[in-house]
């Protein structure tokens, strides 16, 4: 089992009431660093979510336009099918 300097000298420092071994301010900075990292990660995720929402909105609009175009094409084909070449007086029949 390996021990670092602080672990070996802690009992002696405690008996002398020497608190230099205690990691003051280091733990706080670690927590601060972790919180900052989490905030950056949350910000990044929020940006990705916003981008995805915008893309979904754009694709939904494009899909609605495509449906509209397909409906128009179907109506035009049905009209042409009902009229047929015989019904058109401008085209001579053979």
PDB file of N, CA and C in Angstrom:
ATOM      1  N   UNK A   1       0.844  -1.170   0.000  1.00  0.00           N
ATOM      2  CA  UNK A   1       0.000   0.000   0.000  1.00  0.00           C
ATOM      3  C   UNK A   1       0.896   1.242   0.000  1.00  0.00           C
ATOM      4  N   UNK A   2       0.575   2.195  -0.849  1.00  0.00           N
ATOM      5  CA  UNK A   2       1.376   3.411  -0.975  1.00  0.00           C
ATOM      6  C   UNK A   2       0.714   4.566  -0.233  1.00  0.00           C
ATOM      7  N   UNK A   3       1.530   5.381   0.404  1.00  0.00           N
ATOM      8  CA  UNK A   3       1.049   6.566   1.111  1.00  0.00           C
ATOM      9  C   UNK A   3       1.758   7.795   0.566  1.00  0.00           C
ATOM     10  N   UNK A   4       1.039   8.896   0.502  1.00  0.00           N
ATOM     11  CA  UNK A   4       1.714  10.137   0.106  1.00  0.00           C
ATOM     12  C   UNK A   4       2.197  10.866   1.357  1.00  0.00           C
ATOM     13  N   UNK A   5       2.904  11.966   1.156  1.00  0.00           N
ATOM     14  CA  UNK A   5       3.497  12.705   2.270  1.00  0.00           C
ATOM     15  C   UNK A   5       2.446  13.155   3.276  1.00  0.00           C
ATOM     16  N   UNK A   6       1.317  13.654   2.766  1.00  0.00           N
ATOM     17  CA  UNK A   6       0.273  14.153   3.671  1.00  0.00           C
ATOM     18  C   UNK A   6      -0.311  13.040   4.530  1.00  0.00           C
ATOM     19  N   UNK A   7      -0.505  11.865   3.952  1.00  0.00           N
ATOM     20  CA  UNK A   7      -1.075  10.760   4.721  1.00  0.00           C
ATOM     21  C   UNK A   7      -0.113  10.279   5.808  1.00  0.00           C
ATOM     22  N   UNK A   8       1.185  10.287   5.504  1.00  0.00           N
ATOM     23  CA  UNK A   8       2.158   9.846   6.497  1.00  0.00           C
ATOM     24  C   UNK A   8       2.316  10.857   7.633  1.00  0.00           C
ATOM     25  N   UNK A   9       2.225  12.124   7.339  1.00  0.00           N
ATOM     26  CA  UNK A   9       2.461  13.158   8.345  1.00  0.00           C
ATOM     27  C   UNK A   9       1.191  13.676   9.018  1.00  0.00           C
ATOM     28  N   UNK A  10       0.031  13.237   8.578  1.00  0.00           N
ATOM     29  CA  UNK A  10      -1.232  13.722   9.137  1.00  0.00           C
ATOM     30  C   UNK A  10      -1.361  13.427  10.639  1.00  0.00           C
ATOM     31  N   UNK A  11      -1.098  12.204  11.093  1.00  0.00           N
ATOM     32  CA  UNK A  11      -1.256  11.947  12.539  1.00  0.00           C
ATOM     33  C   UNK A  11      -0.362  12.847  13.392  1.00  0.00           C
ATOM     34  N   UNK A  12       0.862  13.064  12.947  1.00  0.00           N
ATOM     35  CA  UNK A  12       1.776  13.922  13.701  1.00  0.00           C
ATOM     36  C   UNK A  12       1.278  15.364  13.689  1.00  0.00           C
ATOM     37  N   UNK A  13       0.808  15.836  12.541  1.00  0.00           N
ATOM     38  CA  UNK A  13       0.308  17.207  12.441  1.00  0.00           C
ATOM     39  C   UNK A  13      -0.938  17.393  13.298  1.00  0.00           C
ATOM     40  N   UNK A  14      -1.763  16.355  13.398  1.00  0.00           N
ATOM     41  CA  UNK A  14      -2.969  16.459  14.216  1.00  0.00           C
ATOM     42  C   UNK A  14      -2.623  16.562  15.701  1.00  0.00           C
ATOM     43  N   UNK A  15      -1.637  15.811  16.127  1.00  0.00           N
ATOM     44  CA  UNK A  15      -1.264  15.883  17.544  1.00  0.00           C
ATOM     45  C   UNK A  15      -0.651  17.233  17.875  1.00  0.00           C
ATOM     46  N   UNK A  16       0.000  17.860  16.897  1.00  0.00           N
ATOM     47  CA  UNK A  16       0.599  19.184  17.115  1.00  0.00           C
ATOM     48  C   UNK A  16      -0.402  20.309  16.835  1.00  0.00           C
ATOM     49  N   UNK A  17      -1.621  19.929  16.477  1.00  0.00           N
ATOM     50  CA  UNK A  17      -2.674  20.893  16.119  1.00  0.00           C
ATOM     51  C   UNK A  17      -2.243  21.798  14.960  1.00  0.00           C
ATOM     52  N   UNK A  18      -1.499  21.215  14.044  1.00  0.00           N
ATOM     53  CA  UNK A  18      -1.045  21.913  12.838  1.00  0.00           C
ATOM     54  C   UNK A  18      -2.036  21.579  11.722  1.00  0.00           C
ATOM     55  N   UNK A  19      -2.732  22.579  11.224  1.00  0.00           N
ATOM     56  CA  UNK A  19      -3.764  22.342  10.211  1.00  0.00           C
ATOM     57  C   UNK A  19      -3.273  22.560   8.773  1.00  0.00           C
ATOM     58  N   UNK A  20      -1.984  22.668   8.592  1.00  0.00           N
ATOM     59  CA  UNK A  20      -1.456  22.889   7.243  1.00  0.00           C
ATOM     60  C   UNK A  20      -1.697  21.695   6.320  1.00  0.00           C
ATOM     61  N   UNK A  21      -1.878  20.531   6.868  1.00  0.00           N
ATOM     62  CA  UNK A  21      -2.105  19.341   6.054  1.00  0.00           C
ATOM     63  C   UNK A  21      -3.489  19.339   5.412  1.00  0.00           C
ATOM     64  N   UNK A  22      -4.424  20.115   5.990  1.00  0.00           N
ATOM     65  CA  UNK A  22      -5.800  20.121   5.481  1.00  0.00           C
ATOM     66  C   UNK A  22      -5.856  20.860   4.141  1.00  0.00           C
ATOM     67  N   UNK A  23      -6.483  20.268   3.135  1.00  0.00           N
ATOM     68  CA  UNK A  23      -6.488  20.871   1.785  1.00  0.00           C
ATOM     69  C   UNK A  23      -7.464  22.044   1.667  1.00  0.00           C
ATOM     70  N   UNK A  24      -7.149  23.136   2.346  1.00  0.00           N
ATOM     71  CA  UNK A  24      -8.024  24.306   2.291  1.00  0.00           C
ATOM     72  C   UNK A  24      -7.942  24.951   0.917  1.00  0.00           C
ATOM     73  N   UNK A  25      -9.068  25.489   0.447  1.00  0.00           N
ATOM     74  CA  UNK A  25      -9.211  26.210  -0.813  1.00  0.00           C
ATOM     75  C   UNK A  25      -9.050  25.304  -2.041  1.00  0.00           C
ATOM     76  N   UNK A  26      -8.410  24.188  -1.901  1.00  0.00           N
ATOM     77  CA  UNK A  26      -8.267  23.274  -3.038  1.00  0.00           C
ATOM     78  C   UNK A  26      -9.603  22.604  -3.352  1.00  0.00           C
ATOM     79  N   UNK A  27     -10.302  22.190  -2.311  1.00  0.00           N
ATOM     80  CA  UNK A  27     -11.591  21.536  -2.524  1.00  0.00           C
ATOM     81  C   UNK A  27     -12.597  22.509  -3.129  1.00  0.00           C
ATOM     82  N   UNK A  28     -12.564  23.752  -2.693  1.00  0.00           N
ATOM     83  CA  UNK A  28     -13.486  24.754  -3.219  1.00  0.00           C
ATOM     84  C   UNK A  28     -13.212  25.012  -4.691  1.00  0.00           C
ATOM     85  N   UNK A  29     -11.939  25.122  -5.043  1.00  0.00           N
ATOM     86  CA  UNK A  29     -11.618  25.377  -6.449  1.00  0.00           C
ATOM     87  C   UNK A  29     -11.986  24.182  -7.313  1.00  0.00           C
ATOM     88  N   UNK A  30     -11.884  22.982  -6.768  1.00  0.00           N
ATOM     89  CA  UNK A  30     -12.271  21.794  -7.518  1.00  0.00           C
ATOM     90  C   UNK A  30     -13.769  21.826  -7.798  1.00  0.00           C
ATOM     91  N   UNK A  31     -14.564  22.144  -6.783  1.00  0.00           N
ATOM     92  CA  UNK A  31     -16.010  22.239  -6.959  1.00  0.00           C
ATOM     93  C   UNK A  31     -16.337  23.328  -7.965  1.00  0.00           C
ATOM     94  N   UNK A  32     -15.657  24.452  -7.857  1.00  0.00           N
ATOM     95  CA  UNK A  32     -15.879  25.558  -8.788  1.00  0.00           C
ATOM     96  C   UNK A  32     -15.555  25.131 -10.211  1.00  0.00           C
ATOM     97  N   UNK A  33     -14.465  24.416 -10.361  1.00  0.00           N
ATOM     98  CA  UNK A  33     -14.053  23.950 -11.689  1.00  0.00           C
ATOM     99  C   UNK A  33     -15.076  22.970 -12.260  1.00  0.00           C
ATOM    100  N   UNK A  34     -15.580  22.076 -11.421  1.00  0.00           N
ATOM    101  CA  UNK A  34     -16.587  21.115 -11.878  1.00  0.00           C
ATOM    102  C   UNK A  34     -17.873  21.822 -12.275  1.00  0.00           C
ATOM    103  N   UNK A  35     -18.286  22.804 -11.483  1.00  0.00           N
ATOM    104  CA  UNK A  35     -19.515  23.541 -11.788  1.00  0.00           C
ATOM    105  C   UNK A  35     -19.361  24.300 -13.100  1.00  0.00           C
ATOM    106  N   UNK A  36     -18.183  24.865 -13.317  1.00  0.00           N
ATOM    107  CA  UNK A  36     -17.924  25.584 -14.566  1.00  0.00           C
ATOM    108  C   UNK A  36     -17.993  24.630 -15.756  1.00  0.00           C
ATOM    109  N   UNK A  37     -17.424  23.450 -15.583  1.00  0.00           N
ATOM    110  CA  UNK A  37     -17.464  22.444 -16.641  1.00  0.00           C
ATOM    111  C   UNK A  37     -18.888  22.016 -16.951  1.00  0.00           C
ATOM    112  N   UNK A  38     -19.691  21.846 -15.900  1.00  0.00           N
ATOM    113  CA  UNK A  38     -21.091  21.465 -16.093  1.00  0.00           C
ATOM    114  C   UNK A  38     -21.865  22.569 -16.801  1.00  0.00           C
ATOM    115  N   UNK A  39     -21.563  23.831 -16.446  1.00  0.00           N
ATOM    116  CA  UNK A  39     -22.235  24.954 -17.109  1.00  0.00           C
ATOM    117  C   UNK A  39     -21.874  24.992 -18.589  1.00  0.00           C
ATOM    118  N   UNK A  40     -20.599  24.771 -18.896  1.00  0.00           N
ATOM    119  CA  UNK A  40     -20.176  24.751 -20.300  1.00  0.00           C
ATOM    120  C   UNK A  40     -20.862  23.622 -21.056  1.00  0.00           C
ATOM    121  N   UNK A  41     -20.960  22.466 -20.413  1.00  0.00           N
ATOM    122  CA  UNK A  41     -21.625  21.324 -21.043  1.00  0.00           C
ATOM    123  C   UNK A  41     -23.107  21.617 -21.267  1.00  0.00           C
ATOM    124  N   UNK A  42     -23.757  22.226 -20.266  1.00  0.00           N
ATOM    125  CA  UNK A  42     -25.175  22.578 -20.404  1.00  0.00           C
ATOM    126  C   UNK A  42     -25.373  23.604 -21.515  1.00  0.00           C
ATOM    127  N   UNK A  43     -24.479  24.584 -21.594  1.00  0.00           N
ATOM    128  CA  UNK A  43     -24.561  25.608 -22.639  1.00  0.00           C
ATOM    129  C   UNK A  43     -24.412  24.960 -24.020  1.00  0.00           C
ATOM    130  N   UNK A  44     -23.463  24.043 -24.128  1.00  0.00           N
ATOM    131  CA  UNK A  44     -23.243  23.346 -25.398  1.00  0.00           C
ATOM    132  C   UNK A  44     -24.470  22.517 -25.782  1.00  0.00           C
ATOM    133  N   UNK A  45     -25.033  21.807 -24.813  1.00  0.00           N
ATOM    134  CA  UNK A  45     -26.230  21.007 -25.085  1.00  0.00           C
ATOM    135  C   UNK A  45     -27.407  21.891 -25.480  1.00  0.00           C
ATOM    136  N   UNK A  46     -27.545  23.054 -24.823  1.00  0.00           N
ATOM    137  CA  UNK A  46     -28.631  23.980 -25.150  1.00  0.00           C
ATOM    138  C   UNK A  46     -28.480  24.495 -26.577  1.00  0.00           C
ATOM    139  N   UNK A  47     -27.235  24.802 -26.976  1.00  0.00           N
ATOM    140  CA  UNK A  47     -26.991  25.271 -28.343  1.00  0.00           C
ATOM    141  C   UNK A  47     -27.349  24.188 -29.358  1.00  0.00           C
ATOM    142  N   UNK A  48     -26.975  22.946 -29.055  1.00  0.00           N
ATOM    143  CA  UNK A  48     -27.308  21.838 -29.957  1.00  0.00           C
ATOM    144  C   UNK A  48     -28.819  21.649 -30.042  1.00  0.00           C
ATOM    145  N   UNK A  49     -29.497  21.765 -28.903  1.00  0.00           N
ATOM    146  CA  UNK A  49     -30.952  21.626 -28.880  1.00  0.00           C
ATOM    147  C   UNK A  49     -31.612  22.729 -29.696  1.00  0.00           C
ATOM    148  N   UNK A  50     -31.148  23.972 -29.516  1.00  0.00           N
ATOM    149  CA  UNK A  50     -31.699  25.097 -30.282  1.00  0.00           C
ATOM    150  C   UNK A  50     -31.503  24.878 -31.776  1.00  0.00           C
ATOM    151  N   UNK A  51     -30.322  24.408 -32.147  1.00  0.00           N
ATOM    152  CA  UNK A  51     -30.024  24.145 -33.554  1.00  0.00           C
ATOM    153  C   UNK A  51     -30.939  23.048 -34.105  1.00  0.00           C
ATOM    154  N   UNK A  52     -31.149  22.006 -33.312  1.00  0.00           N
ATOM    155  CA  UNK A  52     -32.012  20.902 -33.738  1.00  0.00           C
ATOM    156  C   UNK A  52     -33.454  21.366 -33.894  1.00  0.00           C
ATOM    157  N   UNK A  53     -33.931  22.188 -32.967  1.00  0.00           N
ATOM    158  CA  UNK A  53     -35.299  22.715 -33.042  1.00  0.00           C
ATOM    159  C   UNK A  53     -35.468  23.550 -34.313  1.00  0.00           C
ATOM    160  N   UNK A  54     -34.477  24.384 -34.625  1.00  0.00           N
ATOM    161  CA  UNK A  54     -34.544  25.201 -35.844  1.00  0.00           C
ATOM    162  C   UNK A  54     -34.576  24.319 -37.083  1.00  0.00           C
ATOM    163  N   UNK A  55     -33.745  23.292 -37.093  1.00  0.00           N
ATOM    164  CA  UNK A  55     -33.698  22.386 -38.240  1.00  0.00           C
ATOM    165  C   UNK A  55     -35.019  21.643 -38.412  1.00  0.00           C
ATOM    166  N   UNK A  56     -35.602  21.165 -37.315  1.00  0.00           N
ATOM    167  CA  UNK A  56     -36.888  20.468 -37.385  1.00  0.00           C
ATOM    168  C   UNK A  56     -37.971  21.409 -37.914  1.00  0.00           C
ATOM    169  N   UNK A  57     -37.947  22.649 -37.475  1.00  0.00           N
ATOM    170  CA  UNK A  57     -38.919  23.633 -37.950  1.00  0.00           C
ATOM    171  C   UNK A  57     -38.773  23.853 -39.456  1.00  0.00           C
ATOM    172  N   UNK A  58     -37.536  24.017 -39.916  1.00  0.00           N
ATOM    173  CA  UNK A  58     -37.278  24.208 -41.342  1.00  0.00           C
ATOM    174  C   UNK A  58     -37.744  22.996 -42.148  1.00  0.00           C
ATOM    175  N   UNK A  59     -37.411  21.802 -41.674  1.00  0.00           N
ATOM    176  CA  UNK A  59     -37.810  20.584 -42.381  1.00  0.00           C
ATOM    177  C   UNK A  59     -39.331  20.418 -42.391  1.00  0.00           C
ATOM    178  N   UNK A  60     -39.994  20.798 -41.319  1.00  0.00           N
ATOM    179  CA  UNK A  60     -41.460  20.721 -41.270  1.00  0.00           C
ATOM    180  C   UNK A  60     -42.083  21.645 -42.309  1.00  0.00           C
ATOM    181  N   UNK A  61     -41.532  22.849 -42.444  1.00  0.00           N
ATOM    182  CA  UNK A  61     -42.021  23.801 -43.443  1.00  0.00           C
ATOM    183  C   UNK A  61     -41.822  23.244 -44.849  1.00  0.00           C
ATOM    184  N   UNK A  62     -40.631  22.693 -45.104  1.00  0.00           N
ATOM    185  CA  UNK A  62     -40.346  22.122 -46.423  1.00  0.00           C
ATOM    186  C   UNK A  62     -41.270  20.948 -46.729  1.00  0.00           C
ATOM    187  N   UNK A  63     -41.540  20.125 -45.727  1.00  0.00           N
ATOM    188  CA  UNK A  63     -42.433  18.983 -45.916  1.00  0.00           C
ATOM    189  C   UNK A  63     -43.847  19.446 -46.240  1.00  0.00           C
ATOM    190  N   UNK A  64     -44.320  20.475 -45.554  1.00  0.00           N
ATOM    191  CA  UNK A  64     -45.660  21.011 -45.826  1.00  0.00           C
ATOM    192  C   UNK A  64     -45.741  21.545 -47.256  1.00  0.00           C
ATOM    193  N   UNK A  65     -44.679  22.239 -47.704  1.00  0.00           N
ATOM    194  CA  UNK A  65     -44.654  22.756 -49.079  1.00  0.00           C
ATOM    195  C   UNK A  65     -44.657  21.615 -50.092  1.00  0.00           C
ATOM    196  N   UNK A  66     -43.896  20.571 -49.811  1.00  0.00           N
ATOM    197  CA  UNK A  66     -43.841  19.419 -50.709  1.00  0.00           C
ATOM    198  C   UNK A  66     -45.200  18.727 -50.790  1.00  0.00           C
ATOM    199  N   UNK A  67     -45.881  18.590 -49.661  1.00  0.00           N
ATOM    200  CA  UNK A  67     -47.222  17.989 -49.662  1.00  0.00           C
ATOM    201  C   UNK A  67     -48.176  18.815 -50.518  1.00  0.00           C
ATOM    202  N   UNK A  68     -48.065  20.130 -50.381  1.00  0.00           N
ATOM    203  CA  UNK A  68     -48.911  21.029 -51.162  1.00  0.00           C
ATOM    204  C   UNK A  68     -48.655  20.846 -52.665  1.00  0.00           C
ATOM    205  N   UNK A  69     -47.391  20.772 -53.043  1.00  0.00           N
ATOM    206  CA  UNK A  69     -47.032  20.581 -54.451  1.00  0.00           C
ATOM    207  C   UNK A  69     -47.558  19.247 -54.977  1.00  0.00           C
ATOM    208  N   UNK A  70     -47.424  18.204 -54.167  1.00  0.00           N
ATOM    209  CA  UNK A  70     -47.903  16.877 -54.582  1.00  0.00           C
ATOM    210  C   UNK A  70     -49.424  16.890 -54.764  1.00  0.00           C
ATOM    211  N   UNK A  71     -50.132  17.562 -53.866  1.00  0.00           N
ATOM    212  CA  UNK A  71     -51.587  17.663 -53.984  1.00  0.00           C
ATOM    213  C   UNK A  71     -51.966  18.389 -55.270  1.00  0.00           C
ATOM    214  N   UNK A  72     -51.273  19.486 -55.588  1.00  0.00           N
ATOM    215  CA  UNK A  72     -51.527  20.238 -56.828  1.00  0.00           C
ATOM    216  C   UNK A  72     -51.288  19.365 -58.052  1.00  0.00           C
ATOM    217  N   UNK A  73     -50.176  18.630 -58.041  1.00  0.00           N
ATOM    218  CA  UNK A  73     -49.861  17.758 -59.177  1.00  0.00           C
ATOM    219  C   UNK A  73     -50.941  16.695 -59.358  1.00  0.00           C
ATOM    220  N   UNK A  74     -51.401  16.120 -58.259  1.00  0.00           N
ATOM    221  CA  UNK A  74     -52.454  15.104 -58.335  1.00  0.00           C
ATOM    222  C   UNK A  74     -53.735  15.692 -58.931  1.00  0.00           C
ATOM    223  N   UNK A  75     -54.090  16.892 -58.476  1.00  0.00           N
ATOM    224  CA  UNK A  75     -55.292  17.552 -59.001  1.00  0.00           C
ATOM    225  C   UNK A  75     -55.152  17.804 -60.495  1.00  0.00           C
ATOM    226  N   UNK A  76     -53.978  18.287 -60.921  1.00  0.00           N
ATOM    227  CA  UNK A  76     -53.743  18.545 -62.349  1.00  0.00           C
ATOM    228  C   UNK A  76     -53.831  17.262 -63.166  1.00  0.00           C
ATOM    229  N   UNK A  77     -53.259  16.180 -62.664  1.00  0.00           N
ATOM    230  CA  UNK A  77     -53.307  14.900 -63.384  1.00  0.00           C
ATOM    231  C   UNK A  77     -54.748  14.400 -63.480  1.00  0.00           C
ATOM    232  N   UNK A  78     -55.512  14.558 -62.401  1.00  0.00           N
ATOM    233  CA  UNK A  78     -56.909  14.118 -62.426  1.00  0.00           C
ATOM    234  C   UNK A  78     -57.704  14.933 -63.429  1.00  0.00           C
ATOM    235  N   UNK A  79     -57.471  16.251 -63.464  1.00  0.00           N
ATOM    236  CA  UNK A  79     -58.164  17.108 -64.429  1.00  0.00           C
ATOM    237  C   UNK A  79     -57.838  16.688 -65.856  1.00  0.00           C
ATOM    238  N   UNK A  80     -56.566  16.455 -66.123  1.00  0.00           N
ATOM    239  CA  UNK A  80     -56.155  16.036 -67.468  1.00  0.00           C
ATOM    240  C   UNK A  80     -56.744  14.672 -67.813  1.00  0.00           C
ATOM    241  N   UNK A  81     -56.816  13.801 -66.840  1.00  0.00           N
ATOM    242  CA  UNK A  81     -57.382  12.468 -67.066  1.00  0.00           C
ATOM    243  C   UNK A  81     -58.867  12.527 -67.362  1.00  0.00           C
ATOM    244  N   UNK A  82     -59.601  13.394 -66.680  1.00  0.00           N
ATOM    245  CA  UNK A  82     -61.041  13.518 -66.911  1.00  0.00           C
ATOM    246  C   UNK A  82     -61.329  14.152 -68.264  1.00  0.00           C
ATOM    247  N   UNK A  83     -60.529  15.158 -68.649  1.00  0.00           N
ATOM    248  CA  UNK A  83     -60.763  15.830 -69.929  1.00  0.00           C
ATOM    249  C   UNK A  83     -60.411  14.909 -71.090  1.00  0.00           C
ATOM    250  N   UNK A  84     -59.251  14.311 -71.004  1.00  0.00           N
ATOM    251  CA  UNK A  84     -58.815  13.402 -72.063  1.00  0.00           C
ATOM    252  C   UNK A  84     -58.598  14.119 -73.380  1.00  0.00           C
ATOM    253  N   UNK A  85     -57.879  13.517 -74.322  1.00  0.00           N
ATOM    254  CA  UNK A  85     -57.614  14.156 -75.616  1.00  0.00           C
ATOM    255  C   UNK A  85     -58.879  14.281 -76.477  1.00  0.00           C
ATOM    256  N   UNK A  86     -59.893  13.411 -76.334  1.00  0.00           N
ATOM    257  CA  UNK A  86     -61.106  13.485 -77.152  1.00  0.00           C
ATOM    258  C   UNK A  86     -61.978  14.663 -76.743  1.00  0.00           C
ATOM    259  N   UNK A  87     -61.930  15.064 -75.513  1.00  0.00           N
ATOM    260  CA  UNK A  87     -62.800  16.131 -75.032  1.00  0.00           C
ATOM    261  C   UNK A  87     -62.320  17.505 -75.454  1.00  0.00           C
ATOM    262  N   UNK A  88     -61.081  17.631 -75.863  1.00  0.00           N
ATOM    263  CA  UNK A  88     -60.525  18.934 -76.203  1.00  0.00           C
ATOM    264  C   UNK A  88     -60.888  19.281 -77.638  1.00  0.00           C
ATOM    265  N   UNK A  89     -61.698  20.328 -77.886  1.00  0.00           N
ATOM    266  CA  UNK A  89     -62.154  20.655 -79.240  1.00  0.00           C
ATOM    267  C   UNK A  89     -61.046  21.216 -80.119  1.00  0.00           C
ATOM    268  N   UNK A  90     -59.966  21.683 -79.566  1.00  0.00           N
ATOM    269  CA  UNK A  90     -58.885  22.268 -80.358  1.00  0.00           C
ATOM    270  C   UNK A  90     -57.974  21.215 -80.977  1.00  0.00           C
ATOM    271  N   UNK A  91     -58.019  20.013 -80.449  1.00  0.00           N
ATOM    272  CA  UNK A  91     -57.162  18.952 -80.985  1.00  0.00           C
ATOM    273  C   UNK A  91     -58.029  18.055 -81.867  1.00  0.00           C
ATOM    274  N   UNK A  92     -57.682  17.948 -83.151  1.00  0.00           N
ATOM    275  CA  UNK A  92     -58.485  17.080 -84.037  1.00  0.00           C
ATOM    276  C   UNK A  92     -58.283  15.609 -83.696  1.00  0.00           C
ATOM    277  N   UNK A  93     -59.357  14.846 -83.733  1.00  0.00           N
ATOM    278  CA  UNK A  93     -59.245  13.418 -83.459  1.00  0.00           C
ATOM    279  C   UNK A  93     -59.007  12.669 -84.754  1.00  0.00           C
ATOM    280  N   UNK A  94     -58.313  11.564 -84.741  1.00  0.00           N
ATOM    281  CA  UNK A  94     -57.979  10.799 -85.950  1.00  0.00           C
ATOM    282  C   UNK A  94     -58.929   9.688 -86.164  1.00  0.00           C
TER     283      UNK A  94
END
